PDB file of N, CA and C in Angstrom:
ATOM      1  N   ALA A   1     -40.971  12.736  -2.670  1.00  0.00           N
ATOM      2  CA  ALA A   1     -40.498  14.067  -2.347  1.00  0.00           C
ATOM      3  C   ALA A   1     -39.162  13.950  -1.635  1.00  0.00           C
ATOM      4  N   ASN A   2     -38.325  14.908  -1.865  1.00  0.00           N
ATOM      5  CA  ASN A   2     -37.011  14.924  -1.232  1.00  0.00           C
ATOM      6  C   ASN A   2     -37.003  15.908  -0.081  1.00  0.00           C
ATOM      7  N   ILE A   3     -36.159  15.620   0.886  1.00  0.00           N
ATOM      8  CA  ILE A   3     -36.003  16.468   2.060  1.00  0.00           C
ATOM      9  C   ILE A   3     -34.535  16.813   2.191  1.00  0.00           C
ATOM     10  N   LEU A   4     -34.231  18.051   2.492  1.00  0.00           N
ATOM     11  CA  LEU A   4     -32.860  18.492   2.689  1.00  0.00           C
ATOM     12  C   LEU A   4     -32.673  18.826   4.160  1.00  0.00           C
ATOM     13  N   CYS A   5     -31.724  18.176   4.803  1.00  0.00           N
ATOM     14  CA  CYS A   5     -31.389  18.445   6.202  1.00  0.00           C
ATOM     15  C   CYS A   5     -29.952  18.931   6.258  1.00  0.00           C
ATOM     16  N   LEU A   6     -29.730  20.023   6.958  1.00  0.00           N
ATOM     17  CA  LEU A   6     -28.392  20.601   7.047  1.00  0.00           C
ATOM     18  C   LEU A   6     -27.952  20.682   8.505  1.00  0.00           C
ATOM     19  N   PRO A   7     -26.702  20.335   8.791  1.00  0.00           N
ATOM     20  CA  PRO A   7     -26.190  20.380  10.162  1.00  0.00           C
ATOM     21  C   PRO A   7     -25.748  21.801  10.537  1.00  0.00           C
ATOM     22  N   ALA A   8     -26.554  22.518  11.253  1.00  0.00           N
ATOM     23  CA  ALA A   8     -26.294  23.924  11.564  1.00  0.00           C
ATOM     24  C   ALA A   8     -24.989  24.140  12.322  1.00  0.00           C
ATOM     25  N   ARG A   9     -24.571  23.173  13.091  1.00  0.00           N
ATOM     26  CA  ARG A   9     -23.340  23.337  13.870  1.00  0.00           C
ATOM     27  C   ARG A   9     -22.073  23.103  13.056  1.00  0.00           C
ATOM     28  N   PHE A  10     -22.192  22.536  11.885  1.00  0.00           N
ATOM     29  CA  PHE A  10     -21.007  22.101  11.154  1.00  0.00           C
ATOM     30  C   PHE A  10     -20.781  22.798   9.819  1.00  0.00           C
ATOM     31  N   ILE A  11     -21.728  23.617   9.370  1.00  0.00           N
ATOM     32  CA  ILE A  11     -21.541  24.346   8.114  1.00  0.00           C
ATOM     33  C   ILE A  11     -21.905  25.811   8.328  1.00  0.00           C
ATOM     34  N   SER A  12     -21.302  26.658   7.510  1.00  0.00           N
ATOM     35  CA  SER A  12     -21.580  28.095   7.610  1.00  0.00           C
ATOM     36  C   SER A  12     -22.894  28.431   6.903  1.00  0.00           C
ATOM     37  N   ILE A  13     -23.364  29.644   7.142  1.00  0.00           N
ATOM     38  CA  ILE A  13     -24.585  30.098   6.481  1.00  0.00           C
ATOM     39  C   ILE A  13     -24.375  30.120   4.970  1.00  0.00           C
ATOM     40  N   LYS A  14     -23.197  30.570   4.537  1.00  0.00           N
ATOM     41  CA  LYS A  14     -22.909  30.607   3.098  1.00  0.00           C
ATOM     42  C   LYS A  14     -22.954  29.205   2.502  1.00  0.00           C
ATOM     43  N   GLU A  15     -22.361  28.228   3.177  1.00  0.00           N
ATOM     44  CA  GLU A  15     -22.406  26.848   2.688  1.00  0.00           C
ATOM     45  C   GLU A  15     -23.843  26.342   2.630  1.00  0.00           C
ATOM     46  N   ALA A  16     -24.623  26.659   3.658  1.00  0.00           N
ATOM     47  CA  ALA A  16     -26.028  26.236   3.687  1.00  0.00           C
ATOM     48  C   ALA A  16     -26.801  26.843   2.521  1.00  0.00           C
ATOM     49  N   GLN A  17     -26.543  28.100   2.217  1.00  0.00           N
ATOM     50  CA  GLN A  17     -27.211  28.757   1.093  1.00  0.00           C
ATOM     51  C   GLN A  17     -26.814  28.112  -0.233  1.00  0.00           C
ATOM     52  N   GLU A  18     -25.531  27.810  -0.395  1.00  0.00           N
ATOM     53  CA  GLU A  18     -25.063  27.183  -1.634  1.00  0.00           C
ATOM     54  C   GLU A  18     -25.662  25.790  -1.811  1.00  0.00           C
ATOM     55  N   ILE A  19     -25.697  25.022  -0.732  1.00  0.00           N
ATOM     56  CA  ILE A  19     -26.263  23.673  -0.787  1.00  0.00           C
ATOM     57  C   ILE A  19     -27.749  23.741  -1.116  1.00  0.00           C
ATOM     58  N   THR A  20     -28.462  24.658  -0.460  1.00  0.00           N
ATOM     59  CA  THR A  20     -29.898  24.805  -0.689  1.00  0.00           C
ATOM     60  C   THR A  20     -30.188  25.236  -2.127  1.00  0.00           C
ATOM     61  N   THR A  21     -29.407  26.169  -2.633  1.00  0.00           N
ATOM     62  CA  THR A  21     -29.583  26.605  -4.022  1.00  0.00           C
ATOM     63  C   THR A  21     -29.369  25.447  -4.982  1.00  0.00           C
ATOM     64  N   ALA A  22     -28.311  24.678  -4.763  1.00  0.00           N
ATOM     65  CA  ALA A  22     -28.043  23.519  -5.624  1.00  0.00           C
ATOM     66  C   ALA A  22     -29.183  22.514  -5.537  1.00  0.00           C
ATOM     67  N   PHE A  23     -29.686  22.285  -4.334  1.00  0.00           N
ATOM     68  CA  PHE A  23     -30.781  21.333  -4.123  1.00  0.00           C
ATOM     69  C   PHE A  23     -32.040  21.771  -4.871  1.00  0.00           C
ATOM     70  N   LEU A  24     -32.370  23.043  -4.779  1.00  0.00           N
ATOM     71  CA  LEU A  24     -33.610  23.549  -5.377  1.00  0.00           C
ATOM     72  C   LEU A  24     -33.530  23.739  -6.887  1.00  0.00           C
ATOM     73  N   THR A  25     -32.331  23.907  -7.422  1.00  0.00           N
ATOM     74  CA  THR A  25     -32.206  24.167  -8.855  1.00  0.00           C
ATOM     75  C   THR A  25     -31.796  22.945  -9.670  1.00  0.00           C
ATOM     76  N   THR A  26     -31.483  21.847  -9.018  1.00  0.00           N
ATOM     77  CA  THR A  26     -31.105  20.635  -9.738  1.00  0.00           C
ATOM     78  C   THR A  26     -32.347  19.994 -10.344  1.00  0.00           C
ATOM     79  N   ALA A  27     -32.267  19.666 -11.607  1.00  0.00           N
ATOM     80  CA  ALA A  27     -33.407  19.073 -12.313  1.00  0.00           C
ATOM     81  C   ALA A  27     -33.646  17.635 -11.859  1.00  0.00           C
ATOM     82  N   PHE A  28     -34.908  17.254 -11.837  1.00  0.00           N
ATOM     83  CA  PHE A  28     -35.295  15.887 -11.500  1.00  0.00           C
ATOM     84  C   PHE A  28     -34.857  14.970 -12.626  1.00  0.00           C
ATOM     85  N   GLU A  29     -34.147  13.902 -12.301  1.00  0.00           N
ATOM     86  CA  GLU A  29     -33.608  12.992 -13.311  1.00  0.00           C
ATOM     87  C   GLU A  29     -34.568  11.881 -13.704  1.00  0.00           C
ATOM     88  N   GLY A  30     -35.690  11.793 -13.055  1.00  0.00           N
ATOM     89  CA  GLY A  30     -36.648  10.721 -13.359  1.00  0.00           C
ATOM     90  C   GLY A  30     -36.311   9.484 -12.556  1.00  0.00           C
ATOM     91  N   GLY A  31     -36.071   8.414 -13.257  1.00  0.00           N
ATOM     92  CA  GLY A  31     -35.713   7.188 -12.568  1.00  0.00           C
ATOM     93  C   GLY A  31     -36.925   6.368 -12.181  1.00  0.00           C
ATOM     94  N   ARG A  32     -36.700   5.429 -11.285  1.00  0.00           N
ATOM     95  CA  ARG A  32     -37.746   4.461 -10.955  1.00  0.00           C
ATOM     96  C   ARG A  32     -38.942   5.058 -10.220  1.00  0.00           C
ATOM     97  N   HIS A  33     -38.806   6.254  -9.661  1.00  0.00           N
ATOM     98  CA  HIS A  33     -39.919   6.860  -8.924  1.00  0.00           C
ATOM     99  C   HIS A  33     -40.665   7.916  -9.743  1.00  0.00           C
ATOM    100  N   ALA A  34     -40.332   8.059 -11.013  1.00  0.00           N
ATOM    101  CA  ALA A  34     -40.952   9.097 -11.850  1.00  0.00           C
ATOM    102  C   ALA A  34     -42.468   8.944 -11.918  1.00  0.00           C
ATOM    103  N   ASN A  35     -42.969   7.719 -12.010  1.00  0.00           N
ATOM    104  CA  ASN A  35     -44.423   7.509 -12.068  1.00  0.00           C
ATOM    105  C   ASN A  35     -45.098   7.976 -10.790  1.00  0.00           C
ATOM    106  N   ARG A  36     -44.485   7.703  -9.649  1.00  0.00           N
ATOM    107  CA  ARG A  36     -45.064   8.125  -8.366  1.00  0.00           C
ATOM    108  C   ARG A  36     -45.080   9.641  -8.260  1.00  0.00           C
ATOM    109  N   VAL A  37     -43.983  10.275  -8.649  1.00  0.00           N
ATOM    110  CA  VAL A  37     -43.914  11.730  -8.585  1.00  0.00           C
ATOM    111  C   VAL A  37     -44.954  12.343  -9.516  1.00  0.00           C
ATOM    112  N   GLY A  38     -45.191  11.725 -10.658  1.00  0.00           N
ATOM    113  CA  GLY A  38     -46.185  12.213 -11.603  1.00  0.00           C
ATOM    114  C   GLY A  38     -47.600  12.188 -11.063  1.00  0.00           C
ATOM    115  N   LYS A  39     -47.856  11.374 -10.054  1.00  0.00           N
ATOM    116  CA  LYS A  39     -49.187  11.276  -9.458  1.00  0.00           C
ATOM    117  C   LYS A  39     -49.451  12.361  -8.420  1.00  0.00           C
ATOM    118  N   ILE A  40     -48.417  13.089  -8.020  1.00  0.00           N
ATOM    119  CA  ILE A  40     -48.571  14.137  -7.011  1.00  0.00           C
ATOM    120  C   ILE A  40     -49.172  15.366  -7.678  1.00  0.00           C
ATOM    121  N   SER A  41     -50.296  15.830  -7.146  1.00  0.00           N
ATOM    122  CA  SER A  41     -50.915  17.040  -7.692  1.00  0.00           C
ATOM    123  C   SER A  41     -50.417  18.252  -6.916  1.00  0.00           C
ATOM    124  N   CYS A  42     -50.171  19.321  -7.629  1.00  0.00           N
ATOM    125  CA  CYS A  42     -49.658  20.549  -7.003  1.00  0.00           C
ATOM    126  C   CYS A  42     -50.713  21.614  -7.014  1.00  0.00           C
TER     127      CYS A  42
END
């Protein structure tokens, strides 16, 4: 699982919203951890 941490003192609310949107809408590329992620039940 990925975690997004944003520095509240150094970015604006608009920047935080844009970063969060990009983070949440970016597709998972797979890679070496794809098998582990596949084991997570939702």
